[in-house]
N, C-alpha and C. Protein backbone atom coordinates (compact mmCIF):
# COMPACT_ATOMS: atom_id res chain seq x y z
N MET A 1 0.84 -1.18 0.00
CA MET A 1 0.00 0.00 0.00
C MET A 1 0.88 1.24 0.00
N LYS A 2 0.47 2.24 -0.73
CA LYS A 2 1.18 3.52 -0.81
C LYS A 2 0.70 4.41 0.34
N THR A 3 1.64 5.00 1.06
CA THR A 3 1.32 5.83 2.21
C THR A 3 1.66 7.28 1.92
N SER A 4 0.75 8.19 2.31
CA SER A 4 0.95 9.62 2.19
C SER A 4 0.59 10.27 3.52
N GLU A 5 1.27 11.36 3.83
CA GLU A 5 1.04 12.04 5.10
C GLU A 5 0.68 13.50 4.85
N PHE A 6 -0.34 13.99 5.55
CA PHE A 6 -0.79 15.37 5.43
C PHE A 6 -0.98 15.94 6.83
N LYS A 7 -0.68 17.24 6.99
CA LYS A 7 -0.82 17.89 8.29
C LYS A 7 -1.56 19.21 8.14
N GLU A 8 -2.24 19.58 9.21
CA GLU A 8 -2.91 20.88 9.27
C GLU A 8 -2.86 21.37 10.71
N VAL A 9 -2.54 22.63 10.90
CA VAL A 9 -2.56 23.25 12.23
C VAL A 9 -3.89 23.98 12.36
N ILE A 10 -4.58 23.69 13.45
CA ILE A 10 -5.92 24.23 13.68
C ILE A 10 -5.93 25.05 14.96
N ASN A 11 -6.54 26.21 14.91
CA ASN A 11 -6.67 27.06 16.09
C ASN A 11 -7.88 26.62 16.90
N ALA A 12 -7.73 25.50 17.56
CA ALA A 12 -8.76 24.91 18.41
C ALA A 12 -8.07 23.92 19.35
N SER A 13 -8.71 23.63 20.46
CA SER A 13 -8.14 22.69 21.42
C SER A 13 -8.16 21.27 20.87
N VAL A 14 -7.33 20.43 21.46
CA VAL A 14 -7.32 19.01 21.10
C VAL A 14 -8.71 18.41 21.33
N GLU A 15 -9.33 18.77 22.46
CA GLU A 15 -10.64 18.21 22.80
C GLU A 15 -11.70 18.59 21.77
N LYS A 16 -11.71 19.85 21.35
CA LYS A 16 -12.69 20.31 20.36
C LYS A 16 -12.42 19.64 19.01
N THR A 17 -11.16 19.52 18.65
CA THR A 17 -10.78 18.86 17.40
C THR A 17 -11.21 17.39 17.43
N TRP A 18 -10.92 16.71 18.52
CA TRP A 18 -11.32 15.31 18.68
C TRP A 18 -12.83 15.17 18.58
N ASP A 19 -13.55 16.07 19.22
CA ASP A 19 -15.00 15.99 19.21
C ASP A 19 -15.55 16.01 17.79
N VAL A 20 -15.06 16.92 16.97
CA VAL A 20 -15.56 17.01 15.59
C VAL A 20 -15.05 15.86 14.74
N LEU A 21 -13.79 15.55 14.83
CA LEU A 21 -13.19 14.53 13.96
C LEU A 21 -13.61 13.12 14.35
N PHE A 22 -13.67 12.82 15.64
CA PHE A 22 -13.97 11.46 16.09
C PHE A 22 -15.42 11.30 16.55
N ASN A 23 -15.85 12.10 17.51
CA ASN A 23 -17.20 11.94 18.05
C ASN A 23 -18.29 12.24 17.03
N GLN A 24 -18.01 13.13 16.08
CA GLN A 24 -18.97 13.45 15.02
C GLN A 24 -18.56 12.78 13.70
N TYR A 25 -17.99 11.62 13.83
CA TYR A 25 -17.43 10.85 12.72
C TYR A 25 -18.40 10.71 11.55
N GLY A 26 -19.66 10.43 11.83
CA GLY A 26 -20.65 10.21 10.78
C GLY A 26 -21.09 11.47 10.07
N ASP A 27 -20.64 12.63 10.54
CA ASP A 27 -21.03 13.92 9.97
C ASP A 27 -19.88 14.59 9.24
N ILE A 28 -19.03 13.82 8.60
CA ILE A 28 -17.85 14.37 7.93
C ILE A 28 -18.22 15.36 6.83
N HIS A 29 -19.42 15.28 6.29
CA HIS A 29 -19.83 16.19 5.22
C HIS A 29 -19.81 17.66 5.65
N ILE A 30 -19.84 17.96 6.93
CA ILE A 30 -19.85 19.36 7.37
C ILE A 30 -18.49 20.03 7.20
N HIS A 31 -17.44 19.23 7.05
CA HIS A 31 -16.11 19.83 6.88
C HIS A 31 -15.29 19.23 5.75
N ASN A 32 -15.83 18.29 5.03
CA ASN A 32 -15.10 17.73 3.90
C ASN A 32 -15.83 18.09 2.61
N PRO A 33 -15.29 19.05 1.85
CA PRO A 33 -16.00 19.53 0.66
C PRO A 33 -16.16 18.51 -0.46
N SER A 34 -15.42 17.42 -0.43
CA SER A 34 -15.56 16.41 -1.48
C SER A 34 -16.63 15.38 -1.16
N MET A 35 -17.23 15.48 0.03
CA MET A 35 -18.27 14.53 0.44
C MET A 35 -19.56 15.29 0.77
N PRO A 36 -20.47 15.41 -0.18
CA PRO A 36 -21.68 16.19 0.07
C PRO A 36 -22.65 15.57 1.08
N THR A 37 -22.58 14.25 1.25
CA THR A 37 -23.44 13.62 2.26
C THR A 37 -22.66 12.57 3.03
N SER A 38 -23.06 12.39 4.27
CA SER A 38 -22.51 11.32 5.10
C SER A 38 -23.55 10.95 6.14
N LYS A 39 -23.48 9.72 6.59
CA LYS A 39 -24.42 9.29 7.62
C LYS A 39 -23.82 8.11 8.38
N TYR A 40 -24.27 7.97 9.62
CA TYR A 40 -23.88 6.82 10.43
C TYR A 40 -24.59 5.58 9.91
N LEU A 41 -23.97 4.44 10.10
CA LEU A 41 -24.58 3.16 9.74
C LEU A 41 -24.82 2.33 11.00
N TYR A 42 -25.73 1.42 10.93
CA TYR A 42 -26.00 0.44 11.98
C TYR A 42 -26.38 1.09 13.31
N ASN A 43 -27.21 2.13 13.26
CA ASN A 43 -27.76 2.81 14.44
C ASN A 43 -26.72 3.51 15.31
N ALA A 44 -25.55 3.74 14.80
CA ALA A 44 -24.54 4.50 15.56
C ALA A 44 -24.98 5.96 15.65
N THR A 45 -24.57 6.64 16.70
CA THR A 45 -24.91 8.06 16.86
C THR A 45 -23.69 8.92 17.10
N LYS A 46 -22.54 8.28 17.36
CA LYS A 46 -21.30 9.03 17.54
C LYS A 46 -20.12 8.12 17.27
N GLY A 47 -18.94 8.71 17.19
CA GLY A 47 -17.75 7.93 16.93
C GLY A 47 -17.40 7.02 18.10
N GLU A 48 -16.98 5.83 17.78
CA GLU A 48 -16.47 4.85 18.74
C GLU A 48 -15.88 3.71 17.93
N ILE A 49 -15.14 2.85 18.55
CA ILE A 49 -14.58 1.72 17.83
C ILE A 49 -15.72 0.91 17.22
N ASN A 50 -15.55 0.51 15.98
CA ASN A 50 -16.52 -0.23 15.16
C ASN A 50 -17.66 0.64 14.64
N CYS A 51 -17.61 1.93 14.87
CA CYS A 51 -18.60 2.85 14.30
C CYS A 51 -18.33 2.96 12.80
N SER A 52 -19.40 2.89 12.00
CA SER A 52 -19.26 2.94 10.55
C SER A 52 -20.05 4.11 9.98
N ARG A 53 -19.57 4.59 8.83
CA ARG A 53 -20.28 5.67 8.13
C ARG A 53 -20.31 5.36 6.64
N HIS A 54 -21.30 5.96 6.00
CA HIS A 54 -21.47 5.89 4.55
C HIS A 54 -21.32 7.32 4.04
N VAL A 55 -20.43 7.54 3.09
CA VAL A 55 -20.24 8.87 2.52
C VAL A 55 -20.40 8.78 1.00
N THR A 56 -20.83 9.90 0.42
CA THR A 56 -20.95 9.96 -1.03
C THR A 56 -20.00 11.04 -1.55
N PHE A 57 -19.56 10.84 -2.78
CA PHE A 57 -18.73 11.82 -3.48
C PHE A 57 -19.55 12.52 -4.56
N ASP A 58 -20.53 11.82 -5.08
CA ASP A 58 -21.47 12.35 -6.08
C ASP A 58 -22.65 11.39 -6.14
N ASP A 59 -23.45 11.46 -7.18
CA ASP A 59 -24.64 10.61 -7.28
C ASP A 59 -24.33 9.13 -7.41
N ARG A 60 -23.12 8.80 -7.84
CA ARG A 60 -22.76 7.40 -8.07
C ARG A 60 -21.75 6.84 -7.08
N LEU A 61 -20.73 7.63 -6.73
CA LEU A 61 -19.60 7.12 -5.97
C LEU A 61 -19.81 7.22 -4.47
N PHE A 62 -19.49 6.12 -3.77
CA PHE A 62 -19.66 6.08 -2.31
C PHE A 62 -18.52 5.32 -1.66
N LEU A 63 -18.48 5.44 -0.35
CA LEU A 63 -17.47 4.77 0.46
C LEU A 63 -18.10 4.45 1.81
N GLU A 64 -17.82 3.26 2.33
CA GLU A 64 -18.21 2.92 3.69
C GLU A 64 -16.95 2.54 4.44
N GLU A 65 -16.81 3.09 5.64
CA GLU A 65 -15.61 2.85 6.43
C GLU A 65 -15.96 2.79 7.90
N THR A 66 -15.05 2.22 8.67
CA THR A 66 -15.29 2.03 10.09
C THR A 66 -14.06 2.40 10.90
N ILE A 67 -14.28 2.81 12.13
CA ILE A 67 -13.19 3.09 13.06
C ILE A 67 -12.75 1.75 13.65
N THR A 68 -11.48 1.42 13.51
CA THR A 68 -10.99 0.12 14.00
C THR A 68 -10.13 0.23 15.26
N GLU A 69 -9.57 1.41 15.50
CA GLU A 69 -8.72 1.62 16.68
C GLU A 69 -8.88 3.07 17.12
N ALA A 70 -8.73 3.31 18.44
CA ALA A 70 -8.79 4.69 18.93
C ALA A 70 -8.10 4.81 20.28
N ASP A 71 -7.42 5.94 20.46
CA ASP A 71 -6.83 6.32 21.74
C ASP A 71 -7.30 7.76 21.96
N GLU A 72 -8.25 7.95 22.85
CA GLU A 72 -8.97 9.22 23.01
C GLU A 72 -8.07 10.44 23.04
N ASN A 73 -8.45 11.44 22.26
CA ASN A 73 -7.74 12.72 22.12
C ASN A 73 -6.32 12.58 21.57
N LYS A 74 -6.00 11.41 21.02
CA LYS A 74 -4.66 11.20 20.47
C LYS A 74 -4.68 10.72 19.03
N ASN A 75 -5.36 9.59 18.77
CA ASN A 75 -5.36 9.05 17.42
C ASN A 75 -6.47 8.04 17.21
N PHE A 76 -6.80 7.82 15.96
CA PHE A 76 -7.72 6.74 15.60
C PHE A 76 -7.47 6.31 14.17
N LYS A 77 -7.89 5.08 13.88
CA LYS A 77 -7.68 4.50 12.56
C LYS A 77 -9.03 4.19 11.93
N VAL A 78 -9.13 4.48 10.63
CA VAL A 78 -10.33 4.25 9.84
C VAL A 78 -9.96 3.32 8.70
N VAL A 79 -10.79 2.31 8.46
CA VAL A 79 -10.55 1.37 7.37
C VAL A 79 -11.79 1.30 6.48
N ALA A 80 -11.58 1.46 5.17
CA ALA A 80 -12.67 1.32 4.20
C ALA A 80 -12.96 -0.16 4.01
N TYR A 81 -14.24 -0.53 4.01
CA TYR A 81 -14.59 -1.93 3.80
C TYR A 81 -15.53 -2.14 2.61
N LYS A 82 -16.09 -1.04 2.07
CA LYS A 82 -16.96 -1.17 0.90
C LYS A 82 -16.94 0.15 0.15
N HIS A 83 -16.82 0.09 -1.18
CA HIS A 83 -16.84 1.29 -2.01
C HIS A 83 -16.97 0.91 -3.47
N ASN A 84 -17.22 1.92 -4.28
CA ASN A 84 -17.25 1.69 -5.72
C ASN A 84 -16.36 2.71 -6.43
N LEU A 85 -15.29 3.10 -5.79
CA LEU A 85 -14.35 4.07 -6.35
C LEU A 85 -13.44 3.37 -7.36
N PRO A 86 -13.38 3.90 -8.58
CA PRO A 86 -12.60 3.23 -9.62
C PRO A 86 -11.12 3.10 -9.27
N PHE A 87 -10.58 1.95 -9.55
CA PHE A 87 -9.16 1.60 -9.41
C PHE A 87 -8.68 1.48 -7.96
N LEU A 88 -9.43 1.98 -7.00
CA LEU A 88 -8.99 1.88 -5.60
C LEU A 88 -9.35 0.51 -5.05
N LYS A 89 -8.40 -0.07 -4.33
CA LYS A 89 -8.59 -1.41 -3.81
C LYS A 89 -8.76 -1.36 -2.29
N GLU A 90 -7.68 -1.10 -1.59
CA GLU A 90 -7.72 -1.01 -0.13
C GLU A 90 -7.40 0.42 0.28
N MET A 91 -8.07 0.88 1.37
CA MET A 91 -7.85 2.24 1.86
C MET A 91 -7.98 2.25 3.38
N SER A 92 -7.11 3.03 4.01
CA SER A 92 -7.21 3.26 5.44
C SER A 92 -6.53 4.58 5.76
N ALA A 93 -6.81 5.09 6.95
CA ALA A 93 -6.19 6.35 7.38
C ALA A 93 -6.02 6.33 8.88
N ILE A 94 -4.95 6.94 9.32
CA ILE A 94 -4.71 7.14 10.75
C ILE A 94 -4.67 8.64 10.99
N TYR A 95 -5.50 9.11 11.91
CA TYR A 95 -5.51 10.51 12.32
C TYR A 95 -4.78 10.61 13.64
N GLU A 96 -3.79 11.50 13.71
CA GLU A 96 -3.08 11.75 14.96
C GLU A 96 -3.28 13.21 15.33
N ILE A 97 -3.63 13.45 16.59
CA ILE A 97 -3.96 14.78 17.06
C ILE A 97 -3.03 15.12 18.21
N SER A 98 -2.39 16.30 18.13
CA SER A 98 -1.49 16.69 19.22
C SER A 98 -1.55 18.19 19.46
N SER A 99 -1.47 18.56 20.72
CA SER A 99 -1.47 19.97 21.11
C SER A 99 -0.10 20.56 20.80
N ILE A 100 -0.10 21.74 20.19
CA ILE A 100 1.16 22.44 19.93
C ILE A 100 1.12 23.84 20.54
N GLY A 101 0.18 24.04 21.47
CA GLY A 101 0.05 25.31 22.16
C GLY A 101 -1.37 25.46 22.67
N ALA A 102 -1.61 26.56 23.38
CA ALA A 102 -2.95 26.83 23.90
C ALA A 102 -3.91 26.98 22.73
N ASP A 103 -4.93 26.15 22.71
CA ASP A 103 -5.93 26.17 21.64
C ASP A 103 -5.31 26.11 20.24
N LYS A 104 -4.29 25.30 20.11
CA LYS A 104 -3.63 25.08 18.81
C LYS A 104 -3.32 23.59 18.71
N THR A 105 -3.85 22.97 17.66
CA THR A 105 -3.74 21.52 17.51
C THR A 105 -3.21 21.19 16.12
N GLU A 106 -2.31 20.21 16.08
CA GLU A 106 -1.87 19.69 14.79
C GLU A 106 -2.59 18.38 14.53
N VAL A 107 -3.18 18.29 13.35
CA VAL A 107 -3.81 17.04 12.91
C VAL A 107 -2.93 16.48 11.80
N LYS A 108 -2.48 15.25 12.00
CA LYS A 108 -1.70 14.56 10.99
C LYS A 108 -2.52 13.36 10.51
N MET A 109 -2.69 13.28 9.22
CA MET A 109 -3.42 12.17 8.62
C MET A 109 -2.46 11.38 7.76
N THR A 110 -2.35 10.09 8.05
CA THR A 110 -1.54 9.20 7.25
C THR A 110 -2.50 8.28 6.50
N SER A 111 -2.50 8.41 5.20
CA SER A 111 -3.41 7.67 4.34
C SER A 111 -2.66 6.54 3.65
N SER A 112 -3.26 5.36 3.62
CA SER A 112 -2.69 4.20 2.93
C SER A 112 -3.69 3.71 1.89
N VAL A 113 -3.19 3.54 0.66
CA VAL A 113 -4.07 3.19 -0.46
C VAL A 113 -3.37 2.18 -1.35
N SER A 114 -4.14 1.24 -1.86
CA SER A 114 -3.64 0.37 -2.92
C SER A 114 -4.64 0.43 -4.07
N THR A 115 -4.14 0.19 -5.27
CA THR A 115 -4.97 0.25 -6.47
C THR A 115 -4.87 -1.05 -7.26
N SER A 116 -5.81 -1.19 -8.15
CA SER A 116 -5.78 -2.32 -9.08
C SER A 116 -6.16 -1.79 -10.46
N PRO A 117 -5.27 -1.85 -11.41
CA PRO A 117 -3.90 -2.36 -11.33
C PRO A 117 -3.00 -1.44 -10.50
N GLY A 118 -1.92 -2.00 -10.01
CA GLY A 118 -1.03 -1.32 -9.09
C GLY A 118 -0.46 0.00 -9.57
N PHE A 119 -0.17 0.09 -10.88
CA PHE A 119 0.46 1.32 -11.39
C PHE A 119 -0.47 2.53 -11.30
N MET A 120 -1.77 2.31 -11.12
CA MET A 120 -2.73 3.42 -11.06
C MET A 120 -2.46 4.35 -9.88
N ILE A 121 -1.81 3.85 -8.84
CA ILE A 121 -1.53 4.70 -7.68
C ILE A 121 -0.69 5.91 -8.10
N TYR A 122 0.18 5.72 -9.05
CA TYR A 122 1.04 6.82 -9.51
C TYR A 122 0.26 7.84 -10.32
N LEU A 123 -0.76 7.39 -11.04
CA LEU A 123 -1.59 8.28 -11.83
C LEU A 123 -2.62 9.02 -10.96
N MET A 124 -3.01 8.41 -9.86
CA MET A 124 -4.06 8.97 -9.01
C MET A 124 -3.53 9.73 -7.80
N LYS A 125 -2.24 9.65 -7.57
CA LYS A 125 -1.65 10.22 -6.36
C LYS A 125 -2.01 11.69 -6.16
N GLY A 126 -1.90 12.50 -7.19
CA GLY A 126 -2.20 13.93 -7.07
C GLY A 126 -3.65 14.19 -6.72
N GLN A 127 -4.56 13.50 -7.38
CA GLN A 127 -5.98 13.68 -7.14
C GLN A 127 -6.36 13.24 -5.72
N LEU A 128 -5.83 12.12 -5.27
CA LEU A 128 -6.11 11.65 -3.92
C LEU A 128 -5.56 12.62 -2.88
N GLY A 129 -4.35 13.08 -3.09
CA GLY A 129 -3.73 14.02 -2.16
C GLY A 129 -4.51 15.32 -2.07
N LYS A 130 -4.98 15.81 -3.20
CA LYS A 130 -5.76 17.06 -3.23
C LYS A 130 -7.02 16.91 -2.37
N GLY A 131 -7.70 15.79 -2.50
CA GLY A 131 -8.91 15.56 -1.72
C GLY A 131 -8.64 15.50 -0.23
N LEU A 132 -7.54 14.89 0.16
CA LEU A 132 -7.21 14.78 1.58
C LEU A 132 -6.80 16.14 2.16
N LYS A 133 -6.08 16.93 1.38
CA LYS A 133 -5.72 18.28 1.82
C LYS A 133 -6.97 19.14 1.99
N GLN A 134 -7.91 19.01 1.08
CA GLN A 134 -9.17 19.75 1.19
C GLN A 134 -9.92 19.34 2.45
N HIS A 135 -9.92 18.07 2.74
CA HIS A 135 -10.58 17.56 3.95
C HIS A 135 -9.98 18.20 5.20
N LEU A 136 -8.67 18.20 5.33
CA LEU A 136 -8.04 18.76 6.52
C LEU A 136 -8.22 20.27 6.61
N PHE A 137 -8.14 20.96 5.47
CA PHE A 137 -8.39 22.41 5.49
C PHE A 137 -9.85 22.68 5.87
N GLY A 138 -10.77 21.89 5.33
CA GLY A 138 -12.18 22.04 5.68
C GLY A 138 -12.41 21.84 7.16
N LEU A 139 -11.72 20.87 7.75
CA LEU A 139 -11.80 20.63 9.20
C LEU A 139 -11.32 21.87 9.95
N LYS A 140 -10.19 22.42 9.52
CA LYS A 140 -9.63 23.63 10.14
C LYS A 140 -10.65 24.76 10.09
N TYR A 141 -11.20 25.02 8.90
CA TYR A 141 -12.14 26.12 8.73
C TYR A 141 -13.38 25.92 9.60
N TYR A 142 -13.91 24.73 9.60
CA TYR A 142 -15.11 24.45 10.39
C TYR A 142 -14.85 24.64 11.88
N LEU A 143 -13.72 24.14 12.36
CA LEU A 143 -13.41 24.29 13.79
C LEU A 143 -13.15 25.74 14.18
N GLU A 144 -12.56 26.51 13.30
CA GLU A 144 -12.22 27.90 13.62
C GLU A 144 -13.38 28.86 13.43
N THR A 145 -14.36 28.50 12.59
CA THR A 145 -15.46 29.43 12.30
C THR A 145 -16.85 28.89 12.64
N GLY A 146 -16.98 27.56 12.72
CA GLY A 146 -18.28 26.95 12.93
C GLY A 146 -19.12 26.88 11.66
N LYS A 147 -18.52 27.23 10.53
CA LYS A 147 -19.25 27.26 9.26
C LYS A 147 -18.90 26.04 8.41
N THR A 148 -19.90 25.53 7.73
CA THR A 148 -19.77 24.35 6.88
C THR A 148 -19.00 24.67 5.60
N VAL A 149 -18.19 23.71 5.16
CA VAL A 149 -17.43 23.83 3.92
C VAL A 149 -18.07 22.88 2.90
N THR A 150 -18.31 23.40 1.70
CA THR A 150 -18.89 22.58 0.62
C THR A 150 -18.03 22.69 -0.63
N LYS A 151 -18.33 21.87 -1.60
CA LYS A 151 -17.63 21.95 -2.88
C LYS A 151 -17.82 23.33 -3.51
N ASP A 152 -18.99 23.91 -3.33
CA ASP A 152 -19.30 25.20 -3.95
C ASP A 152 -18.58 26.38 -3.31
N ASN A 153 -18.34 26.33 -1.99
CA ASN A 153 -17.70 27.48 -1.34
C ASN A 153 -16.23 27.26 -0.99
N TYR A 154 -15.71 26.08 -1.26
CA TYR A 154 -14.34 25.75 -0.85
C TYR A 154 -13.30 26.71 -1.43
N SER A 155 -13.31 26.95 -2.72
CA SER A 155 -12.27 27.78 -3.35
C SER A 155 -12.22 29.17 -2.74
N LYS A 156 -13.36 29.79 -2.57
CA LYS A 156 -13.41 31.14 -2.00
C LYS A 156 -12.91 31.12 -0.56
N ILE A 157 -13.35 30.15 0.23
CA ILE A 157 -12.92 30.05 1.63
C ILE A 157 -11.43 29.81 1.70
N TYR A 158 -10.90 28.95 0.86
CA TYR A 158 -9.49 28.63 0.88
C TYR A 158 -8.65 29.88 0.62
N LYS A 159 -9.08 30.70 -0.32
CA LYS A 159 -8.33 31.93 -0.66
C LYS A 159 -8.36 32.94 0.48
N THR A 160 -9.46 33.02 1.20
CA THR A 160 -9.61 34.07 2.23
C THR A 160 -9.23 33.61 3.63
N HIS A 161 -9.27 32.34 3.91
CA HIS A 161 -9.02 31.85 5.27
C HIS A 161 -7.61 31.33 5.49
N ARG A 162 -6.87 31.16 4.45
CA ARG A 162 -5.51 30.63 4.56
C ARG A 162 -4.70 31.59 5.30
């Protein structure tokens, strides 16, 4: 699997960041502009180990993933178990959260992906990375302003909030 790492510094406490990223796991659409809808699966209401969510990218493409490991206010791992994303085979991510000052948190996301055929990872690397960077920036914006990030407002927000 190919591994990529992305980081974002957020002007919010570790606890607030954890609450949105982990406890509101099924509501990722509020801060990830590439996912217009998301919902909890199997009667879950908040993040916890084995909590699953269904997210959409558009009218056709979807992903279902679950939290497989967690250490409160520090890190958690998400593994995709069902999707219809072209060429993508296996996917997982580890989110690490650490305080770097008063109300300042660094979120590091390590994404692991495999493709079929294998060479597609090299062709898709840029597109996948762009989506993950947008996700972390959207998280930052949402935590700092309380406002939702969408595909339609992302570009304008990115230019003014950076």
